[in-house]
Amino acid sequence: LVEGMFDLLEGKEKHCEFDGVETVMK
């Protein structure tokens, strides 16, 4: 999670949508 927050600070975050509770990368 912390590494993901560092990615966000660098503008490299990953995006997604949700199909119910399943994460769908988009």
mmCIF file of all heavy atoms, coordinates in Angstrom:
data_MODEL
# 
_entry.id   MODEL 
# 
loop_
_atom_site.group_PDB 
_atom_site.id 
_atom_site.type_symbol 
_atom_site.label_atom_id 
_atom_site.label_alt_id 
_atom_site.label_comp_id 
_atom_site.label_asym_id 
_atom_site.label_entity_id 
_atom_site.label_seq_id 
_atom_site.pdbx_PDB_ins_code 
_atom_site.Cartn_x 
_atom_site.Cartn_y 
_atom_site.Cartn_z 
_atom_site.occupancy 
_atom_site.B_iso_or_equiv 
_atom_site.pdbx_formal_charge 
_atom_site.auth_seq_id 
_atom_site.auth_comp_id 
_atom_site.auth_asym_id 
_atom_site.auth_atom_id 
_atom_site.pdbx_PDB_model_num 
ATOM 1   N N   . LEU A 1 1  ? 0.838   -1.201  0.000   1.00 0.00 ? 1  LEU A N   1 
ATOM 2   C CA  . LEU A 1 1  ? 0.000   0.000   0.000   1.00 0.00 ? 1  LEU A CA  1 
ATOM 3   C C   . LEU A 1 1  ? 0.874   1.253   0.000   1.00 0.00 ? 1  LEU A C   1 
ATOM 4   O O   . LEU A 1 1  ? 0.628   2.197   -0.767  1.00 0.00 ? 1  LEU A O   1 
ATOM 5   C CB  . LEU A 1 1  ? -0.926  -0.022  1.220   1.00 0.00 ? 1  LEU A CB  1 
ATOM 6   C CG  . LEU A 1 1  ? -2.006  1.059   1.315   1.00 0.00 ? 1  LEU A CG  1 
ATOM 7   C CD1 . LEU A 1 1  ? -3.163  0.580   2.203   1.00 0.00 ? 1  LEU A CD1 1 
ATOM 8   C CD2 . LEU A 1 1  ? -1.477  2.372   1.872   1.00 0.00 ? 1  LEU A CD2 1 
ATOM 9   N N   . VAL A 1 2  ? 1.881   1.274   0.871   1.00 0.00 ? 2  VAL A N   1 
ATOM 10  C CA  . VAL A 1 2  ? 2.768   2.441   0.952   1.00 0.00 ? 2  VAL A CA  1 
ATOM 11  C C   . VAL A 1 2  ? 3.467   2.684   -0.386  1.00 0.00 ? 2  VAL A C   1 
ATOM 12  O O   . VAL A 1 2  ? 3.566   3.828   -0.853  1.00 0.00 ? 2  VAL A O   1 
ATOM 13  C CB  . VAL A 1 2  ? 3.797   2.258   2.090   1.00 0.00 ? 2  VAL A CB  1 
ATOM 14  C CG1 . VAL A 1 2  ? 4.893   3.314   2.008   1.00 0.00 ? 2  VAL A CG1 1 
ATOM 15  C CG2 . VAL A 1 2  ? 3.097   2.324   3.450   1.00 0.00 ? 2  VAL A CG2 1 
ATOM 16  N N   . GLU A 1 3  ? 3.939   1.616   -1.022  1.00 0.00 ? 3  GLU A N   1 
ATOM 17  C CA  . GLU A 1 3  ? 4.575   1.779   -2.333  1.00 0.00 ? 3  GLU A CA  1 
ATOM 18  C C   . GLU A 1 3  ? 3.586   2.341   -3.352  1.00 0.00 ? 3  GLU A C   1 
ATOM 19  O O   . GLU A 1 3  ? 3.946   3.148   -4.217  1.00 0.00 ? 3  GLU A O   1 
ATOM 20  C CB  . GLU A 1 3  ? 5.141   0.445   -2.821  1.00 0.00 ? 3  GLU A CB  1 
ATOM 21  C CG  . GLU A 1 3  ? 6.365   -0.039  -2.051  1.00 0.00 ? 3  GLU A CG  1 
ATOM 22  C CD  . GLU A 1 3  ? 7.545   0.906   -2.146  1.00 0.00 ? 3  GLU A CD  1 
ATOM 23  O OE1 . GLU A 1 3  ? 7.807   1.425   -3.251  1.00 0.00 ? 3  GLU A OE1 1 
ATOM 24  O OE2 . GLU A 1 3  ? 8.210   1.136   -1.112  1.00 0.00 ? 3  GLU A OE2 1 
ATOM 25  N N   . GLY A 1 4  ? 2.312   1.923   -3.239  1.00 0.00 ? 4  GLY A N   1 
ATOM 26  C CA  . GLY A 1 4  ? 1.285   2.464   -4.114  1.00 0.00 ? 4  GLY A CA  1 
ATOM 27  C C   . GLY A 1 4  ? 1.079   3.955   -3.900  1.00 0.00 ? 4  GLY A C   1 
ATOM 28  O O   . GLY A 1 4  ? 0.826   4.711   -4.851  1.00 0.00 ? 4  GLY A O   1 
ATOM 29  N N   . MET A 1 5  ? 1.197   4.398   -2.651  1.00 0.00 ? 5  MET A N   1 
ATOM 30  C CA  . MET A 1 5  ? 1.073   5.829   -2.360  1.00 0.00 ? 5  MET A CA  1 
ATOM 31  C C   . MET A 1 5  ? 2.281   6.604   -2.911  1.00 0.00 ? 5  MET A C   1 
ATOM 32  O O   . MET A 1 5  ? 2.142   7.736   -3.374  1.00 0.00 ? 5  MET A O   1 
ATOM 33  C CB  . MET A 1 5  ? 0.943   6.054   -0.849  1.00 0.00 ? 5  MET A CB  1 
ATOM 34  C CG  . MET A 1 5  ? -0.310  5.430   -0.225  1.00 0.00 ? 5  MET A CG  1 
ATOM 35  S SD  . MET A 1 5  ? -1.872  5.936   -1.004  1.00 0.00 ? 5  MET A SD  1 
ATOM 36  C CE  . MET A 1 5  ? -2.183  4.586   -2.147  1.00 0.00 ? 5  MET A CE  1 
ATOM 37  N N   . PHE A 1 6  ? 3.441   5.982   -2.890  1.00 0.00 ? 6  PHE A N   1 
ATOM 38  C CA  . PHE A 1 6  ? 4.610   6.625   -3.500  1.00 0.00 ? 6  PHE A CA  1 
ATOM 39  C C   . PHE A 1 6  ? 4.414   6.740   -5.012  1.00 0.00 ? 6  PHE A C   1 
ATOM 40  O O   . PHE A 1 6  ? 4.789   7.757   -5.623  1.00 0.00 ? 6  PHE A O   1 
ATOM 41  C CB  . PHE A 1 6  ? 5.880   5.830   -3.196  1.00 0.00 ? 6  PHE A CB  1 
ATOM 42  C CG  . PHE A 1 6  ? 6.325   5.878   -1.761  1.00 0.00 ? 6  PHE A CG  1 
ATOM 43  C CD1 . PHE A 1 6  ? 7.306   5.017   -1.292  1.00 0.00 ? 6  PHE A CD1 1 
ATOM 44  C CD2 . PHE A 1 6  ? 5.782   6.791   -0.876  1.00 0.00 ? 6  PHE A CD2 1 
ATOM 45  C CE1 . PHE A 1 6  ? 7.731   5.069   0.024   1.00 0.00 ? 6  PHE A CE1 1 
ATOM 46  C CE2 . PHE A 1 6  ? 6.193   6.856   0.452   1.00 0.00 ? 6  PHE A CE2 1 
ATOM 47  C CZ  . PHE A 1 6  ? 7.177   5.980   0.897   1.00 0.00 ? 6  PHE A CZ  1 
ATOM 48  N N   . ASP A 1 7  ? 3.833   5.706   -5.623  1.00 0.00 ? 7  ASP A N   1 
ATOM 49  C CA  . ASP A 1 7  ? 3.529   5.779   -7.054  1.00 0.00 ? 7  ASP A CA  1 
ATOM 50  C C   . ASP A 1 7  ? 2.607   6.963   -7.344  1.00 0.00 ? 7  ASP A C   1 
ATOM 51  O O   . ASP A 1 7  ? 2.784   7.676   -8.342  1.00 0.00 ? 7  ASP A O   1 
ATOM 52  C CB  . ASP A 1 7  ? 2.854   4.490   -7.525  1.00 0.00 ? 7  ASP A CB  1 
ATOM 53  C CG  . ASP A 1 7  ? 3.813   3.310   -7.602  1.00 0.00 ? 7  ASP A CG  1 
ATOM 54  O OD1 . ASP A 1 7  ? 5.037   3.544   -7.621  1.00 0.00 ? 7  ASP A OD1 1 
ATOM 55  O OD2 . ASP A 1 7  ? 3.333   2.163   -7.635  1.00 0.00 ? 7  ASP A OD2 1 
ATOM 56  N N   . LEU A 1 8  ? 1.625   7.165   -6.475  1.00 0.00 ? 8  LEU A N   1 
ATOM 57  C CA  . LEU A 1 8  ? 0.693   8.281   -6.646  1.00 0.00 ? 8  LEU A CA  1 
ATOM 58  C C   . LEU A 1 8  ? 1.434   9.612   -6.563  1.00 0.00 ? 8  LEU A C   1 
ATOM 59  O O   . LEU A 1 8  ? 1.185   10.532  -7.360  1.00 0.00 ? 8  LEU A O   1 
ATOM 60  C CB  . LEU A 1 8  ? -0.417  8.210   -5.590  1.00 0.00 ? 8  LEU A CB  1 
ATOM 61  C CG  . LEU A 1 8  ? -1.433  9.361   -5.583  1.00 0.00 ? 8  LEU A CG  1 
ATOM 62  C CD1 . LEU A 1 8  ? -2.184  9.431   -6.908  1.00 0.00 ? 8  LEU A CD1 1 
ATOM 63  C CD2 . LEU A 1 8  ? -2.409  9.202   -4.414  1.00 0.00 ? 8  LEU A CD2 1 
ATOM 64  N N   . LEU A 1 9  ? 2.344   9.730   -5.599  1.00 0.00 ? 9  LEU A N   1 
ATOM 65  C CA  . LEU A 1 9  ? 3.120   10.973  -5.483  1.00 0.00 ? 9  LEU A CA  1 
ATOM 66  C C   . LEU A 1 9  ? 3.932   11.242  -6.743  1.00 0.00 ? 9  LEU A C   1 
ATOM 67  O O   . LEU A 1 9  ? 4.164   12.392  -7.105  1.00 0.00 ? 9  LEU A O   1 
ATOM 68  C CB  . LEU A 1 9  ? 4.057   10.889  -4.271  1.00 0.00 ? 9  LEU A CB  1 
ATOM 69  C CG  . LEU A 1 9  ? 3.419   11.066  -2.892  1.00 0.00 ? 9  LEU A CG  1 
ATOM 70  C CD1 . LEU A 1 9  ? 4.420   10.733  -1.790  1.00 0.00 ? 9  LEU A CD1 1 
ATOM 71  C CD2 . LEU A 1 9  ? 2.885   12.481  -2.703  1.00 0.00 ? 9  LEU A CD2 1 
ATOM 72  N N   . GLU A 1 10 ? 4.346   10.182  -7.423  1.00 0.00 ? 10 GLU A N   1 
ATOM 73  C CA  . GLU A 1 10 ? 5.131   10.336  -8.642  1.00 0.00 ? 10 GLU A CA  1 
ATOM 74  C C   . GLU A 1 10 ? 4.262   10.425  -9.893  1.00 0.00 ? 10 GLU A C   1 
ATOM 75  O O   . GLU A 1 10 ? 4.778   10.526  -11.009 1.00 0.00 ? 10 GLU A O   1 
ATOM 76  C CB  . GLU A 1 10 ? 6.085   9.142   -8.795  1.00 0.00 ? 10 GLU A CB  1 
ATOM 77  C CG  . GLU A 1 10 ? 7.188   9.113   -7.749  1.00 0.00 ? 10 GLU A CG  1 
ATOM 78  C CD  . GLU A 1 10 ? 8.115   7.916   -7.908  1.00 0.00 ? 10 GLU A CD  1 
ATOM 79  O OE1 . GLU A 1 10 ? 7.703   6.906   -8.521  1.00 0.00 ? 10 GLU A OE1 1 
ATOM 80  O OE2 . GLU A 1 10 ? 9.255   7.993   -7.421  1.00 0.00 ? 10 GLU A OE2 1 
ATOM 81  N N   . GLY A 1 11 ? 2.927   10.361  -9.701  1.00 0.00 ? 11 GLY A N   1 
ATOM 82  C CA  . GLY A 1 11 ? 2.029   10.412  -10.846 1.00 0.00 ? 11 GLY A CA  1 
ATOM 83  C C   . GLY A 1 11 ? 1.997   9.122   -11.641 1.00 0.00 ? 11 GLY A C   1 
ATOM 84  O O   . GLY A 1 11 ? 1.658   9.117   -12.827 1.00 0.00 ? 11 GLY A O   1 
ATOM 85  N N   . LYS A 1 12 ? 2.313   8.008   -10.997 1.00 0.00 ? 12 LYS A N   1 
ATOM 86  C CA  . LYS A 1 12 ? 2.371   6.705   -11.668 1.00 0.00 ? 12 LYS A CA  1 
ATOM 87  C C   . LYS A 1 12 ? 1.305   5.745   -11.141 1.00 0.00 ? 12 LYS A C   1 
ATOM 88  O O   . LYS A 1 12 ? 1.448   4.534   -11.254 1.00 0.00 ? 12 LYS A O   1 
ATOM 89  C CB  . LYS A 1 12 ? 3.762   6.087   -11.486 1.00 0.00 ? 12 LYS A CB  1 
ATOM 90  C CG  . LYS A 1 12 ? 4.900   6.922   -12.059 1.00 0.00 ? 12 LYS A CG  1 
ATOM 91  C CD  . LYS A 1 12 ? 6.249   6.296   -11.732 1.00 0.00 ? 12 LYS A CD  1 
ATOM 92  C CE  . LYS A 1 12 ? 7.399   7.135   -12.263 1.00 0.00 ? 12 LYS A CE  1 
ATOM 93  N NZ  . LYS A 1 12 ? 8.723   6.561   -11.876 1.00 0.00 ? 12 LYS A NZ  1 
ATOM 94  N N   . GLU A 1 13 ? 0.254   6.280   -10.560 1.00 0.00 ? 13 GLU A N   1 
ATOM 95  C CA  . GLU A 1 13 ? -0.776  5.430   -9.965  1.00 0.00 ? 13 GLU A CA  1 
ATOM 96  C C   . GLU A 1 13 ? -1.490  4.579   -11.004 1.00 0.00 ? 13 GLU A C   1 
ATOM 97  O O   . GLU A 1 13 ? -1.548  4.939   -12.185 1.00 0.00 ? 13 GLU A O   1 
ATOM 98  C CB  . GLU A 1 13 ? -1.802  6.293   -9.210  1.00 0.00 ? 13 GLU A CB  1 
ATOM 99  C CG  . GLU A 1 13 ? -2.697  7.153   -10.091 1.00 0.00 ? 13 GLU A CG  1 
ATOM 100 C CD  . GLU A 1 13 ? -2.088  8.469   -10.526 1.00 0.00 ? 13 GLU A CD  1 
ATOM 101 O OE1 . GLU A 1 13 ? -0.886  8.703   -10.269 1.00 0.00 ? 13 GLU A OE1 1 
ATOM 102 O OE2 . GLU A 1 13 ? -2.824  9.269   -11.147 1.00 0.00 ? 13 GLU A OE2 1 
ATOM 103 N N   . LYS A 1 14 ? -2.030  3.437   -10.572 1.00 0.00 ? 14 LYS A N   1 
ATOM 104 C CA  . LYS A 1 14 ? -2.793  2.544   -11.435 1.00 0.00 ? 14 LYS A CA  1 
ATOM 105 C C   . LYS A 1 14 ? -4.286  2.849   -11.289 1.00 0.00 ? 14 LYS A C   1 
ATOM 106 O O   . LYS A 1 14 ? -4.762  3.145   -10.192 1.00 0.00 ? 14 LYS A O   1 
ATOM 107 C CB  . LYS A 1 14 ? -2.535  1.078   -11.078 1.00 0.00 ? 14 LYS A CB  1 
ATOM 108 C CG  . LYS A 1 14 ? -1.075  0.669   -11.133 1.00 0.00 ? 14 LYS A CG  1 
ATOM 109 C CD  . LYS A 1 14 ? -0.514  0.765   -12.529 1.00 0.00 ? 14 LYS A CD  1 
ATOM 110 C CE  . LYS A 1 14 ? 0.929   0.263   -12.570 1.00 0.00 ? 14 LYS A CE  1 
ATOM 111 N NZ  . LYS A 1 14 ? 1.522   0.401   -13.915 1.00 0.00 ? 14 LYS A NZ  1 
ATOM 112 N N   . HIS A 1 15 ? -5.025  2.745   -12.418 1.00 0.00 ? 15 HIS A N   1 
ATOM 113 C CA  . HIS A 1 15 ? -6.452  3.050   -12.410 1.00 0.00 ? 15 HIS A CA  1 
ATOM 114 C C   . HIS A 1 15 ? -7.279  1.795   -12.657 1.00 0.00 ? 15 HIS A C   1 
ATOM 115 O O   . HIS A 1 15 ? -6.803  0.815   -13.244 1.00 0.00 ? 15 HIS A O   1 
ATOM 116 C CB  . HIS A 1 15 ? -6.765  4.114   -13.459 1.00 0.00 ? 15 HIS A CB  1 
ATOM 117 C CG  . HIS A 1 15 ? -6.286  5.484   -13.081 1.00 0.00 ? 15 HIS A CG  1 
ATOM 118 N ND1 . HIS A 1 15 ? -7.106  6.431   -12.521 1.00 0.00 ? 15 HIS A ND1 1 
ATOM 119 C CD2 . HIS A 1 15 ? -5.050  6.044   -13.153 1.00 0.00 ? 15 HIS A CD2 1 
ATOM 120 C CE1 . HIS A 1 15 ? -6.406  7.522   -12.284 1.00 0.00 ? 15 HIS A CE1 1 
ATOM 121 N NE2 . HIS A 1 15 ? -5.152  7.317   -12.656 1.00 0.00 ? 15 HIS A NE2 1 
ATOM 122 N N   . CYS A 1 16 ? -8.541  1.846   -12.226 1.00 0.00 ? 16 CYS A N   1 
ATOM 123 C CA  . CYS A 1 16 ? -9.395  0.670   -12.339 1.00 0.00 ? 16 CYS A CA  1 
ATOM 124 C C   . CYS A 1 16 ? -10.866 1.056   -12.281 1.00 0.00 ? 16 CYS A C   1 
ATOM 125 O O   . CYS A 1 16 ? -11.227 2.206   -12.005 1.00 0.00 ? 16 CYS A O   1 
ATOM 126 C CB  . CYS A 1 16 ? -9.086  -0.319  -11.202 1.00 0.00 ? 16 CYS A CB  1 
ATOM 127 S SG  . CYS A 1 16 ? -9.576  0.293   -9.565  1.00 0.00 ? 16 CYS A SG  1 
ATOM 128 N N   . GLU A 1 17 ? -11.706 0.056   -12.542 1.00 0.00 ? 17 GLU A N   1 
ATOM 129 C CA  . GLU A 1 17 ? -13.138 0.128   -12.289 1.00 0.00 ? 17 GLU A CA  1 
ATOM 130 C C   . GLU A 1 17 ? -13.491 -1.106  -11.454 1.00 0.00 ? 17 GLU A C   1 
ATOM 131 O O   . GLU A 1 17 ? -12.622 -1.936  -11.153 1.00 0.00 ? 17 GLU A O   1 
ATOM 132 C CB  . GLU A 1 17 ? -13.932 0.149   -13.603 1.00 0.00 ? 17 GLU A CB  1 
ATOM 133 C CG  . GLU A 1 17 ? -13.715 1.394   -14.450 1.00 0.00 ? 17 GLU A CG  1 
ATOM 134 C CD  . GLU A 1 17 ? -14.388 2.636   -13.889 1.00 0.00 ? 17 GLU A CD  1 
ATOM 135 O OE1 . GLU A 1 17 ? -15.146 2.508   -12.900 1.00 0.00 ? 17 GLU A OE1 1 
ATOM 136 O OE2 . GLU A 1 17 ? -14.155 3.727   -14.444 1.00 0.00 ? 17 GLU A OE2 1 
ATOM 137 N N   . PHE A 1 18 ? -14.771 -1.233  -11.095 1.00 0.00 ? 18 PHE A N   1 
ATOM 138 C CA  . PHE A 1 18 ? -15.183 -2.371  -10.283 1.00 0.00 ? 18 PHE A CA  1 
ATOM 139 C C   . PHE A 1 18 ? -16.350 -3.102  -10.919 1.00 0.00 ? 18 PHE A C   1 
ATOM 140 O O   . PHE A 1 18 ? -17.306 -2.492  -11.400 1.00 0.00 ? 18 PHE A O   1 
ATOM 141 C CB  . PHE A 1 18 ? -15.550 -1.912  -8.865  1.00 0.00 ? 18 PHE A CB  1 
ATOM 142 C CG  . PHE A 1 18 ? -14.346 -1.563  -8.038  1.00 0.00 ? 18 PHE A CG  1 
ATOM 143 C CD1 . PHE A 1 18 ? -13.831 -0.272  -8.055  1.00 0.00 ? 18 PHE A CD1 1 
ATOM 144 C CD2 . PHE A 1 18 ? -13.706 -2.527  -7.282  1.00 0.00 ? 18 PHE A CD2 1 
ATOM 145 C CE1 . PHE A 1 18 ? -12.707 0.053   -7.328  1.00 0.00 ? 18 PHE A CE1 1 
ATOM 146 C CE2 . PHE A 1 18 ? -12.575 -2.220  -6.551  1.00 0.00 ? 18 PHE A CE2 1 
ATOM 147 C CZ  . PHE A 1 18 ? -12.073 -0.926  -6.568  1.00 0.00 ? 18 PHE A CZ  1 
ATOM 148 N N   . ASP A 1 19 ? -16.239 -4.423  -10.933 1.00 0.00 ? 19 ASP A N   1 
ATOM 149 C CA  . ASP A 1 19 ? -17.328 -5.306  -11.338 1.00 0.00 ? 19 ASP A CA  1 
ATOM 150 C C   . ASP A 1 19 ? -17.750 -6.030  -10.075 1.00 0.00 ? 19 ASP A C   1 
ATOM 151 O O   . ASP A 1 19 ? -17.165 -7.055  -9.703  1.00 0.00 ? 19 ASP A O   1 
ATOM 152 C CB  . ASP A 1 19 ? -16.838 -6.291  -12.397 1.00 0.00 ? 19 ASP A CB  1 
ATOM 153 C CG  . ASP A 1 19 ? -17.944 -7.229  -12.872 1.00 0.00 ? 19 ASP A CG  1 
ATOM 154 O OD1 . ASP A 1 19 ? -19.099 -7.028  -12.453 1.00 0.00 ? 19 ASP A OD1 1 
ATOM 155 O OD2 . ASP A 1 19 ? -17.643 -8.167  -13.634 1.00 0.00 ? 19 ASP A OD2 1 
ATOM 156 N N   . GLY A 1 20 ? -18.744 -5.497  -9.389  1.00 0.00 ? 20 GLY A N   1 
ATOM 157 C CA  . GLY A 1 20 ? -19.053 -5.980  -8.052  1.00 0.00 ? 20 GLY A CA  1 
ATOM 158 C C   . GLY A 1 20 ? -17.894 -5.631  -7.134  1.00 0.00 ? 20 GLY A C   1 
ATOM 159 O O   . GLY A 1 20 ? -17.483 -4.473  -7.054  1.00 0.00 ? 20 GLY A O   1 
ATOM 160 N N   . VAL A 1 21 ? -17.320 -6.658  -6.484  1.00 0.00 ? 21 VAL A N   1 
ATOM 161 C CA  . VAL A 1 21 ? -16.162 -6.412  -5.616  1.00 0.00 ? 21 VAL A CA  1 
ATOM 162 C C   . VAL A 1 21 ? -14.846 -6.697  -6.334  1.00 0.00 ? 21 VAL A C   1 
ATOM 163 O O   . VAL A 1 21 ? -13.768 -6.543  -5.738  1.00 0.00 ? 21 VAL A O   1 
ATOM 164 C CB  . VAL A 1 21 ? -16.240 -7.271  -4.331  1.00 0.00 ? 21 VAL A CB  1 
ATOM 165 C CG1 . VAL A 1 21 ? -17.454 -6.893  -3.504  1.00 0.00 ? 21 VAL A CG1 1 
ATOM 166 C CG2 . VAL A 1 21 ? -16.252 -8.761  -4.661  1.00 0.00 ? 21 VAL A CG2 1 
ATOM 167 N N   . GLU A 1 22 ? -14.901 -7.087  -7.600  1.00 0.00 ? 22 GLU A N   1 
ATOM 168 C CA  . GLU A 1 22 ? -13.690 -7.419  -8.339  1.00 0.00 ? 22 GLU A CA  1 
ATOM 169 C C   . GLU A 1 22 ? -13.093 -6.166  -8.981  1.00 0.00 ? 22 GLU A C   1 
ATOM 170 O O   . GLU A 1 22 ? -13.794 -5.380  -9.612  1.00 0.00 ? 22 GLU A O   1 
ATOM 171 C CB  . GLU A 1 22 ? -13.985 -8.459  -9.425  1.00 0.00 ? 22 GLU A CB  1 
ATOM 172 C CG  . GLU A 1 22 ? -14.413 -9.812  -8.880  1.00 0.00 ? 22 GLU A CG  1 
ATOM 173 C CD  . GLU A 1 22 ? -13.344 -10.462 -8.026  1.00 0.00 ? 22 GLU A CD  1 
ATOM 174 O OE1 . GLU A 1 22 ? -12.151 -10.379 -8.406  1.00 0.00 ? 22 GLU A OE1 1 
ATOM 175 O OE2 . GLU A 1 22 ? -13.695 -11.045 -6.972  1.00 0.00 ? 22 GLU A OE2 1 
ATOM 176 N N   . THR A 1 23 ? -11.792 -6.016  -8.815  1.00 0.00 ? 23 THR A N   1 
ATOM 177 C CA  . THR A 1 23 ? -11.072 -4.901  -9.417  1.00 0.00 ? 23 THR A CA  1 
ATOM 178 C C   . THR A 1 23 ? -10.767 -5.220  -10.880 1.00 0.00 ? 23 THR A C   1 
ATOM 179 O O   . THR A 1 23 ? -10.235 -6.289  -11.190 1.00 0.00 ? 23 THR A O   1 
ATOM 180 C CB  . THR A 1 23 ? -9.752  -4.650  -8.671  1.00 0.00 ? 23 THR A CB  1 
ATOM 181 O OG1 . THR A 1 23 ? -10.034 -4.384  -7.286  1.00 0.00 ? 23 THR A OG1 1 
ATOM 182 C CG2 . THR A 1 23 ? -9.000  -3.467  -9.271  1.00 0.00 ? 23 THR A CG2 1 
ATOM 183 N N   . VAL A 1 24 ? -11.101 -4.302  -11.757 1.00 0.00 ? 24 VAL A N   1 
ATOM 184 C CA  . VAL A 1 24 ? -10.838 -4.459  -13.186 1.00 0.00 ? 24 VAL A CA  1 
ATOM 185 C C   . VAL A 1 24 ? -9.895  -3.337  -13.609 1.00 0.00 ? 24 VAL A C   1 
ATOM 186 O O   . VAL A 1 24 ? -10.271 -2.163  -13.602 1.00 0.00 ? 24 VAL A O   1 
ATOM 187 C CB  . VAL A 1 24 ? -12.143 -4.399  -14.011 1.00 0.00 ? 24 VAL A CB  1 
ATOM 188 C CG1 . VAL A 1 24 ? -11.830 -4.567  -15.495 1.00 0.00 ? 24 VAL A CG1 1 
ATOM 189 C CG2 . VAL A 1 24 ? -13.140 -5.449  -13.532 1.00 0.00 ? 24 VAL A CG2 1 
ATOM 190 N N   . MET A 1 25 ? -8.658  -3.698  -13.942 1.00 0.00 ? 25 MET A N   1 
ATOM 191 C CA  . MET A 1 25 ? -7.680  -2.687  -14.325 1.00 0.00 ? 25 MET A CA  1 
ATOM 192 C C   . MET A 1 25 ? -8.133  -1.978  -15.601 1.00 0.00 ? 25 MET A C   1 
ATOM 193 O O   . MET A 1 25 ? -8.547  -2.606  -16.573 1.00 0.00 ? 25 MET A O   1 
ATOM 194 C CB  . MET A 1 25 ? -6.308  -3.326  -14.546 1.00 0.00 ? 25 MET A CB  1 
ATOM 195 C CG  . MET A 1 25 ? -5.764  -4.078  -13.342 1.00 0.00 ? 25 MET A CG  1 
ATOM 196 S SD  . MET A 1 25 ? -5.635  -3.063  -11.850 1.00 0.00 ? 25 MET A SD  1 
ATOM 197 C CE  . MET A 1 25 ? -4.406  -1.862  -12.373 1.00 0.00 ? 25 MET A CE  1 
ATOM 198 N N   . LYS A 1 26 ? -8.069  -0.645  -15.579 1.00 0.00 ? 26 LYS A N   1 
ATOM 199 C CA  . LYS A 1 26 ? -8.483  0.157   -16.724 1.00 0.00 ? 26 LYS A CA  1 
ATOM 200 C C   . LYS A 1 26 ? -7.698  1.456   -16.705 1.00 0.00 ? 26 LYS A C   1 
ATOM 201 O O   . LYS A 1 26 ? -7.718  2.188   -15.707 1.00 0.00 ? 26 LYS A O   1 
ATOM 202 C CB  . LYS A 1 26 ? -9.988  0.431   -16.665 1.00 0.00 ? 26 LYS A CB  1 
ATOM 203 C CG  . LYS A 1 26 ? -10.551 1.058   -17.926 1.00 0.00 ? 26 LYS A CG  1 
ATOM 204 C CD  . LYS A 1 26 ? -12.065 1.195   -17.837 1.00 0.00 ? 26 LYS A CD  1 
ATOM 205 C CE  . LYS A 1 26 ? -12.637 1.806   -19.110 1.00 0.00 ? 26 LYS A CE  1 
ATOM 206 N NZ  . LYS A 1 26 ? -14.102 2.004   -19.016 1.00 0.00 ? 26 LYS A NZ  1 
# 
